[in-house]
Amino acid sequence: MRIISGRWKGKRLIAPAGETVRPTSDRARQSLFDMLWHAPWAGREMVEGAEVLDAFAGTGALGLEALSRGATAATFIEKDRAALAALRANIANCKTDAQVIAGDATKPPRAVKPATLIFLDPPYGANLLAPALAALDAAGWVAPGALICTELAERDPLPETRFTPLDDRRHGKARLLILQG
């Protein structure tokens, strides 16, 4: 696994051993950032200068990819100890500062600053997307007009939320659903 583009292009990222973390594949990440860069509802300005939240962060690949491509700041939320160790190592390897919250995305702390670009990649089949979206919204993490990029299993049901769906694409076993706040 590596950073696809930007100032850290080609930088390798580590992931913990085992099945607790399922990093977004390089191909799906490339597709997601291509959508963010070129879709009529997004554009470069949605990534460059973005305040990023990467919840269920795992290795941090999505948030670090955004930082590599010009996002201003990133906050990562992760509760698994092995994933947190990999996340912190990946942030250090990129020689960047980022806030890491060791906690549950369905019970987040109050946001200091809302995010304009949000990545949510909960465990497949756990039905955590809707509760996480509601909790993050209630805690002030979702800026008005924010783009929310989610990854679900191909057959996971769409969450019922107040957010507007913008795109829904499948990439192998992954389903990328983009919402707007």
N, C-alpha and C. Protein backbone atom coordinates (compact mmCIF):
# COMPACT_ATOMS: atom_id res chain seq x y z
N MET A 1 0.85 -1.15 0.00
CA MET A 1 0.00 0.00 0.00
C MET A 1 0.90 1.23 0.00
N ARG A 2 0.48 2.24 -0.77
CA ARG A 2 1.33 3.43 -0.91
C ARG A 2 0.45 4.67 -1.13
N ILE A 3 1.05 5.84 -0.99
CA ILE A 3 0.39 7.09 -1.34
C ILE A 3 0.40 7.17 -2.87
N ILE A 4 -0.74 7.49 -3.47
CA ILE A 4 -0.90 7.46 -4.93
C ILE A 4 -0.34 8.70 -5.61
N SER A 5 -0.56 9.88 -5.03
CA SER A 5 -0.20 11.11 -5.73
C SER A 5 0.15 12.21 -4.73
N GLY A 6 0.68 13.30 -5.26
CA GLY A 6 1.00 14.45 -4.43
C GLY A 6 2.42 14.44 -3.92
N ARG A 7 2.66 15.22 -2.87
CA ARG A 7 4.03 15.41 -2.39
C ARG A 7 4.65 14.16 -1.80
N TRP A 8 3.83 13.19 -1.36
CA TRP A 8 4.37 11.94 -0.82
C TRP A 8 4.14 10.77 -1.76
N LYS A 9 3.94 11.04 -3.04
CA LYS A 9 3.67 9.99 -4.02
C LYS A 9 4.69 8.85 -3.89
N GLY A 10 4.16 7.63 -3.83
CA GLY A 10 5.00 6.45 -3.75
C GLY A 10 5.42 6.04 -2.35
N LYS A 11 5.16 6.89 -1.36
CA LYS A 11 5.54 6.56 0.02
C LYS A 11 4.74 5.37 0.49
N ARG A 12 5.43 4.38 1.03
CA ARG A 12 4.78 3.15 1.50
C ARG A 12 4.13 3.39 2.86
N LEU A 13 2.98 2.76 3.04
CA LEU A 13 2.26 2.80 4.30
C LEU A 13 2.21 1.40 4.89
N ILE A 14 2.26 1.32 6.20
CA ILE A 14 2.19 0.01 6.84
C ILE A 14 0.78 -0.23 7.37
N ALA A 15 0.43 -1.49 7.48
CA ALA A 15 -0.86 -1.90 8.04
C ALA A 15 -0.59 -2.98 9.06
N PRO A 16 -1.41 -3.04 10.11
CA PRO A 16 -1.21 -4.11 11.10
C PRO A 16 -1.56 -5.47 10.51
N ALA A 17 -0.93 -6.50 11.03
CA ALA A 17 -1.23 -7.86 10.59
C ALA A 17 -2.63 -8.24 11.07
N GLY A 18 -3.22 -9.20 10.39
CA GLY A 18 -4.52 -9.71 10.82
C GLY A 18 -5.67 -9.11 10.04
N GLU A 19 -6.86 -9.38 10.51
CA GLU A 19 -8.08 -9.00 9.79
C GLU A 19 -8.80 -7.80 10.40
N THR A 20 -8.25 -7.19 11.46
CA THR A 20 -8.97 -6.09 12.10
C THR A 20 -9.01 -4.82 11.26
N VAL A 21 -8.04 -4.64 10.38
CA VAL A 21 -7.99 -3.47 9.51
C VAL A 21 -8.07 -3.93 8.06
N ARG A 22 -8.93 -3.26 7.29
CA ARG A 22 -9.10 -3.55 5.87
C ARG A 22 -8.81 -2.26 5.11
N PRO A 23 -7.54 -2.00 4.79
CA PRO A 23 -7.21 -0.73 4.13
C PRO A 23 -7.89 -0.62 2.75
N THR A 24 -8.28 0.59 2.42
CA THR A 24 -8.82 0.86 1.09
C THR A 24 -7.72 0.58 0.07
N SER A 25 -8.05 -0.19 -0.95
CA SER A 25 -7.04 -0.56 -1.94
C SER A 25 -6.53 0.68 -2.67
N ASP A 26 -5.32 0.58 -3.21
CA ASP A 26 -4.75 1.69 -3.98
C ASP A 26 -5.68 2.05 -5.13
N ARG A 27 -6.24 1.04 -5.79
CA ARG A 27 -7.12 1.30 -6.94
C ARG A 27 -8.40 2.05 -6.53
N ALA A 28 -9.02 1.62 -5.44
CA ALA A 28 -10.24 2.31 -4.98
C ALA A 28 -9.91 3.72 -4.51
N ARG A 29 -8.77 3.89 -3.83
CA ARG A 29 -8.36 5.22 -3.39
C ARG A 29 -8.11 6.14 -4.58
N GLN A 30 -7.45 5.61 -5.61
CA GLN A 30 -7.21 6.40 -6.83
C GLN A 30 -8.54 6.82 -7.45
N SER A 31 -9.47 5.89 -7.54
CA SER A 31 -10.78 6.18 -8.11
C SER A 31 -11.51 7.25 -7.30
N LEU A 32 -11.46 7.12 -5.98
CA LEU A 32 -12.11 8.11 -5.12
C LEU A 32 -11.52 9.50 -5.33
N PHE A 33 -10.20 9.60 -5.35
CA PHE A 33 -9.59 10.92 -5.52
C PHE A 33 -9.78 11.45 -6.95
N ASP A 34 -9.87 10.58 -7.94
CA ASP A 34 -10.21 11.03 -9.29
C ASP A 34 -11.61 11.65 -9.29
N MET A 35 -12.56 11.00 -8.59
CA MET A 35 -13.91 11.57 -8.49
C MET A 35 -13.86 12.94 -7.81
N LEU A 36 -13.13 13.02 -6.69
CA LEU A 36 -13.05 14.29 -5.96
C LEU A 36 -12.41 15.38 -6.81
N TRP A 37 -11.44 15.01 -7.62
CA TRP A 37 -10.72 15.99 -8.44
C TRP A 37 -11.56 16.48 -9.62
N HIS A 38 -12.36 15.55 -10.23
CA HIS A 38 -12.99 15.86 -11.52
C HIS A 38 -14.51 15.92 -11.54
N ALA A 39 -15.19 15.46 -10.52
CA ALA A 39 -16.65 15.43 -10.55
C ALA A 39 -17.22 16.85 -10.54
N PRO A 40 -18.37 17.05 -11.18
CA PRO A 40 -18.97 18.39 -11.21
C PRO A 40 -19.37 18.90 -9.83
N TRP A 41 -19.58 18.00 -8.88
CA TRP A 41 -19.96 18.39 -7.53
C TRP A 41 -18.76 18.56 -6.60
N ALA A 42 -17.56 18.42 -7.14
CA ALA A 42 -16.35 18.53 -6.30
C ALA A 42 -15.34 19.45 -6.97
N GLY A 43 -14.14 18.98 -7.23
CA GLY A 43 -13.08 19.77 -7.84
C GLY A 43 -11.87 19.84 -6.93
N ARG A 44 -10.76 20.26 -7.51
CA ARG A 44 -9.50 20.33 -6.76
C ARG A 44 -9.64 21.08 -5.46
N GLU A 45 -10.43 22.15 -5.48
CA GLU A 45 -10.58 22.99 -4.29
C GLU A 45 -11.24 22.26 -3.13
N MET A 46 -11.91 21.13 -3.40
CA MET A 46 -12.51 20.35 -2.31
C MET A 46 -11.45 19.53 -1.58
N VAL A 47 -10.28 19.34 -2.20
CA VAL A 47 -9.18 18.61 -1.56
C VAL A 47 -8.11 19.60 -1.09
N GLU A 48 -7.67 20.45 -2.00
CA GLU A 48 -6.63 21.42 -1.65
C GLU A 48 -7.20 22.42 -0.65
N GLY A 49 -6.55 22.52 0.48
CA GLY A 49 -7.01 23.43 1.53
C GLY A 49 -8.08 22.84 2.44
N ALA A 50 -8.44 21.58 2.25
CA ALA A 50 -9.51 20.95 3.04
C ALA A 50 -9.07 20.71 4.48
N GLU A 51 -10.04 20.79 5.36
CA GLU A 51 -9.91 20.30 6.74
C GLU A 51 -10.47 18.89 6.71
N VAL A 52 -9.64 17.90 6.94
CA VAL A 52 -10.00 16.50 6.74
C VAL A 52 -10.28 15.80 8.07
N LEU A 53 -11.30 14.95 8.05
CA LEU A 53 -11.55 14.00 9.13
C LEU A 53 -11.52 12.62 8.51
N ASP A 54 -10.68 11.74 9.05
CA ASP A 54 -10.61 10.36 8.61
C ASP A 54 -11.03 9.51 9.81
N ALA A 55 -12.32 9.09 9.82
CA ALA A 55 -12.86 8.31 10.93
C ALA A 55 -12.86 6.83 10.55
N PHE A 56 -12.72 5.97 11.53
CA PHE A 56 -12.42 4.55 11.28
C PHE A 56 -11.14 4.54 10.43
N ALA A 57 -10.15 5.30 10.86
CA ALA A 57 -8.98 5.63 10.04
C ALA A 57 -8.11 4.44 9.67
N GLY A 58 -8.03 3.44 10.51
CA GLY A 58 -7.14 2.32 10.20
C GLY A 58 -5.72 2.81 10.02
N THR A 59 -5.16 2.60 8.84
CA THR A 59 -3.78 3.01 8.54
C THR A 59 -3.65 4.51 8.28
N GLY A 60 -4.78 5.19 8.07
CA GLY A 60 -4.75 6.61 7.75
C GLY A 60 -4.54 6.90 6.28
N ALA A 61 -4.64 5.87 5.44
CA ALA A 61 -4.33 6.04 4.01
C ALA A 61 -5.17 7.13 3.34
N LEU A 62 -6.45 7.21 3.67
CA LEU A 62 -7.31 8.21 3.01
C LEU A 62 -6.94 9.63 3.44
N GLY A 63 -6.81 9.85 4.73
CA GLY A 63 -6.44 11.18 5.21
C GLY A 63 -5.05 11.59 4.78
N LEU A 64 -4.11 10.65 4.80
CA LEU A 64 -2.74 10.97 4.36
C LEU A 64 -2.70 11.25 2.86
N GLU A 65 -3.50 10.53 2.09
CA GLU A 65 -3.59 10.81 0.65
C GLU A 65 -4.09 12.23 0.43
N ALA A 66 -5.11 12.65 1.20
CA ALA A 66 -5.64 14.01 1.07
C ALA A 66 -4.57 15.04 1.45
N LEU A 67 -3.84 14.79 2.54
CA LEU A 67 -2.76 15.71 2.92
C LEU A 67 -1.69 15.78 1.84
N SER A 68 -1.35 14.64 1.26
CA SER A 68 -0.35 14.60 0.19
C SER A 68 -0.79 15.44 -1.00
N ARG A 69 -2.10 15.51 -1.21
CA ARG A 69 -2.65 16.24 -2.36
C ARG A 69 -3.04 17.69 -2.02
N GLY A 70 -2.66 18.17 -0.85
CA GLY A 70 -2.84 19.59 -0.56
C GLY A 70 -3.85 19.96 0.50
N ALA A 71 -4.44 18.98 1.20
CA ALA A 71 -5.33 19.32 2.31
C ALA A 71 -4.52 20.05 3.38
N THR A 72 -5.16 20.94 4.10
CA THR A 72 -4.49 21.76 5.10
C THR A 72 -4.18 21.02 6.39
N ALA A 73 -5.16 20.26 6.88
CA ALA A 73 -5.02 19.59 8.17
C ALA A 73 -5.86 18.33 8.16
N ALA A 74 -5.50 17.39 9.04
CA ALA A 74 -6.26 16.15 9.16
C ALA A 74 -6.36 15.71 10.61
N THR A 75 -7.52 15.18 10.93
CA THR A 75 -7.76 14.54 12.21
C THR A 75 -8.15 13.10 11.92
N PHE A 76 -7.59 12.17 12.67
CA PHE A 76 -7.85 10.75 12.48
C PHE A 76 -8.50 10.20 13.75
N ILE A 77 -9.56 9.42 13.58
CA ILE A 77 -10.21 8.74 14.70
C ILE A 77 -10.09 7.24 14.47
N GLU A 78 -9.52 6.56 15.45
CA GLU A 78 -9.36 5.10 15.38
C GLU A 78 -9.33 4.55 16.80
N LYS A 79 -9.93 3.38 17.00
CA LYS A 79 -9.93 2.80 18.34
C LYS A 79 -9.08 1.54 18.49
N ASP A 80 -8.78 0.84 17.41
CA ASP A 80 -8.00 -0.39 17.50
C ASP A 80 -6.54 -0.07 17.79
N ARG A 81 -5.97 -0.73 18.81
CA ARG A 81 -4.59 -0.43 19.22
C ARG A 81 -3.56 -0.69 18.13
N ALA A 82 -3.68 -1.82 17.45
CA ALA A 82 -2.72 -2.13 16.39
C ALA A 82 -2.84 -1.13 15.24
N ALA A 83 -4.06 -0.77 14.90
CA ALA A 83 -4.27 0.23 13.84
C ALA A 83 -3.72 1.58 14.27
N LEU A 84 -3.92 1.95 15.52
CA LEU A 84 -3.38 3.22 16.01
C LEU A 84 -1.86 3.26 15.90
N ALA A 85 -1.20 2.16 16.21
CA ALA A 85 0.26 2.11 16.10
C ALA A 85 0.69 2.29 14.64
N ALA A 86 0.00 1.61 13.72
CA ALA A 86 0.32 1.75 12.29
C ALA A 86 0.02 3.17 11.81
N LEU A 87 -1.11 3.73 12.24
CA LEU A 87 -1.49 5.09 11.86
C LEU A 87 -0.43 6.09 12.31
N ARG A 88 -0.04 5.99 13.56
CA ARG A 88 0.98 6.92 14.08
C ARG A 88 2.32 6.76 13.35
N ALA A 89 2.68 5.52 13.03
CA ALA A 89 3.91 5.28 12.27
C ALA A 89 3.81 5.87 10.87
N ASN A 90 2.66 5.75 10.22
CA ASN A 90 2.48 6.30 8.88
C ASN A 90 2.53 7.82 8.89
N ILE A 91 1.93 8.43 9.90
CA ILE A 91 1.98 9.90 10.02
C ILE A 91 3.43 10.34 10.22
N ALA A 92 4.16 9.66 11.10
CA ALA A 92 5.57 9.99 11.34
C ALA A 92 6.40 9.78 10.08
N ASN A 93 6.14 8.71 9.34
CA ASN A 93 6.88 8.43 8.11
C ASN A 93 6.66 9.52 7.07
N CYS A 94 5.48 10.12 7.07
CA CYS A 94 5.19 11.22 6.14
C CYS A 94 5.72 12.56 6.66
N LYS A 95 6.25 12.54 7.87
CA LYS A 95 6.81 13.75 8.50
C LYS A 95 5.80 14.89 8.49
N THR A 96 4.60 14.59 8.99
CA THR A 96 3.55 15.60 9.06
C THR A 96 2.94 15.60 10.45
N ASP A 97 2.29 16.67 10.77
CA ASP A 97 1.54 16.76 12.02
C ASP A 97 0.08 16.49 11.71
N ALA A 98 -0.54 15.71 12.53
CA ALA A 98 -1.96 15.44 12.40
C ALA A 98 -2.48 15.06 13.77
N GLN A 99 -3.72 15.36 14.02
CA GLN A 99 -4.32 14.99 15.30
C GLN A 99 -4.83 13.56 15.21
N VAL A 100 -4.49 12.75 16.19
CA VAL A 100 -4.97 11.37 16.27
C VAL A 100 -5.82 11.26 17.53
N ILE A 101 -7.05 10.84 17.35
CA ILE A 101 -7.95 10.62 18.48
C ILE A 101 -8.13 9.12 18.65
N ALA A 102 -7.70 8.61 19.77
CA ALA A 102 -7.88 7.19 20.08
C ALA A 102 -9.28 7.04 20.65
N GLY A 103 -10.22 6.73 19.76
CA GLY A 103 -11.60 6.65 20.21
C GLY A 103 -12.51 6.08 19.15
N ASP A 104 -13.78 6.06 19.48
CA ASP A 104 -14.83 5.46 18.67
C ASP A 104 -15.52 6.54 17.83
N ALA A 105 -15.58 6.34 16.53
CA ALA A 105 -16.22 7.32 15.64
C ALA A 105 -17.72 7.43 15.87
N THR A 106 -18.31 6.46 16.56
CA THR A 106 -19.74 6.57 16.88
C THR A 106 -19.96 7.31 18.19
N LYS A 107 -18.87 7.66 18.89
CA LYS A 107 -18.92 8.43 20.14
C LYS A 107 -17.78 9.44 20.14
N PRO A 108 -17.75 10.32 19.14
CA PRO A 108 -16.59 11.22 19.01
C PRO A 108 -16.64 12.36 20.02
N PRO A 109 -15.47 12.94 20.31
CA PRO A 109 -15.45 14.15 21.12
C PRO A 109 -15.98 15.32 20.30
N ARG A 110 -16.28 16.40 20.95
CA ARG A 110 -16.73 17.62 20.27
C ARG A 110 -15.62 18.12 19.35
N ALA A 111 -15.97 18.52 18.15
CA ALA A 111 -14.99 19.03 17.18
C ALA A 111 -14.50 20.42 17.59
N VAL A 112 -13.22 20.64 17.41
CA VAL A 112 -12.66 21.97 17.59
C VAL A 112 -12.95 22.80 16.35
N LYS A 113 -12.86 22.15 15.19
CA LYS A 113 -13.12 22.81 13.91
C LYS A 113 -13.81 21.78 13.01
N PRO A 114 -14.89 22.16 12.33
CA PRO A 114 -15.57 21.19 11.46
C PRO A 114 -14.73 20.83 10.24
N ALA A 115 -14.95 19.64 9.74
CA ALA A 115 -14.21 19.14 8.58
C ALA A 115 -14.98 19.43 7.29
N THR A 116 -14.25 19.75 6.24
CA THR A 116 -14.87 20.00 4.93
C THR A 116 -14.78 18.77 4.03
N LEU A 117 -13.91 17.83 4.38
CA LEU A 117 -13.75 16.59 3.63
C LEU A 117 -13.63 15.46 4.66
N ILE A 118 -14.59 14.54 4.61
CA ILE A 118 -14.68 13.49 5.63
C ILE A 118 -14.60 12.12 4.95
N PHE A 119 -13.78 11.25 5.53
CA PHE A 119 -13.68 9.86 5.07
C PHE A 119 -14.18 8.95 6.18
N LEU A 120 -15.12 8.08 5.82
CA LEU A 120 -15.67 7.10 6.77
C LEU A 120 -15.57 5.73 6.15
N ASP A 121 -14.81 4.86 6.77
CA ASP A 121 -14.60 3.51 6.25
C ASP A 121 -14.80 2.51 7.39
N PRO A 122 -16.06 2.36 7.84
CA PRO A 122 -16.32 1.45 8.96
C PRO A 122 -16.16 -0.01 8.54
N PRO A 123 -16.03 -0.90 9.52
CA PRO A 123 -15.95 -2.33 9.18
C PRO A 123 -17.18 -2.76 8.36
N TYR A 124 -16.93 -3.56 7.35
CA TYR A 124 -18.02 -4.06 6.51
C TYR A 124 -19.02 -4.85 7.34
N GLY A 125 -20.30 -4.66 7.03
CA GLY A 125 -21.36 -5.46 7.64
C GLY A 125 -21.69 -5.10 9.07
N ALA A 126 -21.08 -4.09 9.64
CA ALA A 126 -21.31 -3.74 11.05
C ALA A 126 -22.41 -2.69 11.23
N ASN A 127 -22.92 -2.15 10.13
CA ASN A 127 -23.98 -1.13 10.18
C ASN A 127 -23.61 0.05 11.08
N LEU A 128 -22.38 0.53 10.96
CA LEU A 128 -21.89 1.64 11.77
C LEU A 128 -21.93 2.98 11.05
N LEU A 129 -22.19 2.98 9.74
CA LEU A 129 -22.11 4.23 8.99
C LEU A 129 -23.15 5.24 9.47
N ALA A 130 -24.42 4.87 9.54
CA ALA A 130 -25.46 5.82 9.96
C ALA A 130 -25.24 6.32 11.39
N PRO A 131 -24.95 5.43 12.37
CA PRO A 131 -24.69 5.96 13.71
C PRO A 131 -23.47 6.87 13.77
N ALA A 132 -22.42 6.54 13.02
CA ALA A 132 -21.22 7.39 13.02
C ALA A 132 -21.53 8.75 12.40
N LEU A 133 -22.24 8.76 11.28
CA LEU A 133 -22.61 10.03 10.65
C LEU A 133 -23.42 10.90 11.61
N ALA A 134 -24.39 10.31 12.27
CA ALA A 134 -25.23 11.07 13.20
C ALA A 134 -24.41 11.61 14.37
N ALA A 135 -23.52 10.79 14.92
CA ALA A 135 -22.69 11.21 16.05
C ALA A 135 -21.70 12.30 15.66
N LEU A 136 -21.06 12.13 14.51
CA LEU A 136 -20.10 13.14 14.05
C LEU A 136 -20.80 14.46 13.75
N ASP A 137 -21.97 14.38 13.16
CA ASP A 137 -22.76 15.58 12.86
C ASP A 137 -23.14 16.28 14.17
N ALA A 138 -23.65 15.53 15.14
CA ALA A 138 -24.06 16.11 16.42
C ALA A 138 -22.89 16.72 17.18
N ALA A 139 -21.68 16.17 17.00
CA ALA A 139 -20.49 16.68 17.69
C ALA A 139 -19.81 17.82 16.94
N GLY A 140 -20.40 18.27 15.83
CA GLY A 140 -19.87 19.44 15.12
C GLY A 140 -18.75 19.16 14.14
N TRP A 141 -18.56 17.91 13.73
CA TRP A 141 -17.48 17.57 12.81
C TRP A 141 -17.80 17.86 11.35
N VAL A 142 -19.08 18.01 10.99
CA VAL A 142 -19.47 18.15 9.58
C VAL A 142 -19.73 19.63 9.26
N ALA A 143 -18.85 20.23 8.47
CA ALA A 143 -19.02 21.61 8.03
C ALA A 143 -20.16 21.69 7.02
N PRO A 144 -20.84 22.83 6.92
CA PRO A 144 -21.87 22.98 5.88
C PRO A 144 -21.26 22.75 4.50
N GLY A 145 -21.90 21.90 3.70
CA GLY A 145 -21.42 21.61 2.35
C GLY A 145 -20.29 20.60 2.29
N ALA A 146 -19.89 20.03 3.43
CA ALA A 146 -18.79 19.07 3.46
C ALA A 146 -19.08 17.88 2.56
N LEU A 147 -18.03 17.34 1.96
CA LEU A 147 -18.14 16.08 1.23
C LEU A 147 -17.80 14.95 2.18
N ILE A 148 -18.64 13.93 2.17
CA ILE A 148 -18.47 12.77 3.04
C ILE A 148 -18.26 11.56 2.14
N CYS A 149 -17.08 11.01 2.17
CA CYS A 149 -16.70 9.87 1.32
C CYS A 149 -16.72 8.62 2.17
N THR A 150 -17.59 7.69 1.81
CA THR A 150 -17.73 6.49 2.61
C THR A 150 -17.37 5.26 1.79
N GLU A 151 -16.90 4.25 2.48
CA GLU A 151 -16.67 2.96 1.84
C GLU A 151 -17.50 1.91 2.56
N LEU A 152 -18.29 1.20 1.80
CA LEU A 152 -19.14 0.13 2.32
C LEU A 152 -18.83 -1.15 1.59
N ALA A 153 -19.33 -2.26 2.12
CA ALA A 153 -19.28 -3.51 1.37
C ALA A 153 -20.29 -3.39 0.24
N GLU A 154 -20.04 -4.09 -0.83
CA GLU A 154 -20.89 -4.02 -2.02
C GLU A 154 -22.37 -4.18 -1.69
N ARG A 155 -22.70 -5.06 -0.74
CA ARG A 155 -24.11 -5.34 -0.43
C ARG A 155 -24.63 -4.64 0.83
N ASP A 156 -23.81 -3.83 1.48
CA ASP A 156 -24.29 -3.11 2.66
C ASP A 156 -25.42 -2.16 2.26
N PRO A 157 -26.44 -2.03 3.09
CA PRO A 157 -27.54 -1.13 2.76
C PRO A 157 -27.09 0.33 2.84
N LEU A 158 -27.75 1.18 2.06
CA LEU A 158 -27.47 2.61 2.14
C LEU A 158 -28.00 3.15 3.46
N PRO A 159 -27.23 3.99 4.11
CA PRO A 159 -27.69 4.52 5.39
C PRO A 159 -28.78 5.57 5.19
N GLU A 160 -29.68 5.65 6.14
CA GLU A 160 -30.67 6.73 6.13
C GLU A 160 -30.07 7.89 6.92
N THR A 161 -29.82 9.00 6.22
CA THR A 161 -29.21 10.17 6.85
C THR A 161 -29.83 11.43 6.27
N ARG A 162 -29.49 12.56 6.84
CA ARG A 162 -29.95 13.85 6.32
C ARG A 162 -29.08 14.31 5.14
N PHE A 163 -27.99 13.60 4.87
CA PHE A 163 -27.04 14.03 3.85
C PHE A 163 -27.50 13.64 2.46
N THR A 164 -27.12 14.45 1.47
CA THR A 164 -27.53 14.25 0.08
C THR A 164 -26.55 13.32 -0.64
N PRO A 165 -27.03 12.21 -1.21
CA PRO A 165 -26.14 11.34 -1.99
C PRO A 165 -25.74 12.02 -3.30
N LEU A 166 -24.45 11.97 -3.63
CA LEU A 166 -23.94 12.57 -4.86
C LEU A 166 -23.47 11.52 -5.86
N ASP A 167 -22.91 10.42 -5.36
CA ASP A 167 -22.37 9.38 -6.24
C ASP A 167 -22.32 8.07 -5.48
N ASP A 168 -22.44 6.98 -6.22
CA ASP A 168 -22.44 5.64 -5.63
C ASP A 168 -21.81 4.71 -6.67
N ARG A 169 -20.58 4.24 -6.39
CA ARG A 169 -19.85 3.41 -7.36
C ARG A 169 -19.31 2.17 -6.68
N ARG A 170 -19.20 1.12 -7.45
CA ARG A 170 -18.66 -0.14 -6.95
C ARG A 170 -17.25 -0.36 -7.52
N HIS A 171 -16.38 -0.87 -6.65
CA HIS A 171 -15.00 -1.22 -7.03
C HIS A 171 -14.68 -2.55 -6.40
N GLY A 172 -14.93 -3.62 -7.14
CA GLY A 172 -14.74 -4.96 -6.59
C GLY A 172 -15.70 -5.19 -5.43
N LYS A 173 -15.17 -5.51 -4.25
CA LYS A 173 -16.01 -5.74 -3.07
C LYS A 173 -16.37 -4.45 -2.36
N ALA A 174 -15.78 -3.34 -2.79
CA ALA A 174 -16.00 -2.05 -2.15
C ALA A 174 -17.05 -1.24 -2.89
N ARG A 175 -17.74 -0.43 -2.12
CA ARG A 175 -18.74 0.49 -2.66
C ARG A 175 -18.40 1.86 -2.12
N LEU A 176 -18.16 2.81 -3.01
CA LEU A 176 -17.85 4.18 -2.63
C LEU A 176 -19.12 5.01 -2.74
N LEU A 177 -19.56 5.55 -1.64
CA LEU A 177 -20.75 6.38 -1.58
C LEU A 177 -20.31 7.77 -1.13
N ILE A 178 -20.65 8.78 -1.96
CA ILE A 178 -20.29 10.16 -1.64
C ILE A 178 -21.56 10.89 -1.25
N LEU A 179 -21.51 11.57 -0.11
CA LEU A 179 -22.63 12.34 0.40
C LEU A 179 -22.18 13.78 0.58
N GLN A 180 -23.16 14.68 0.66
CA GLN A 180 -22.82 16.09 0.94
C GLN A 180 -23.62 16.57 2.14
N GLY A 181 -22.94 17.29 3.02
CA GLY A 181 -23.56 17.81 4.24
C GLY A 181 -24.27 19.11 4.01
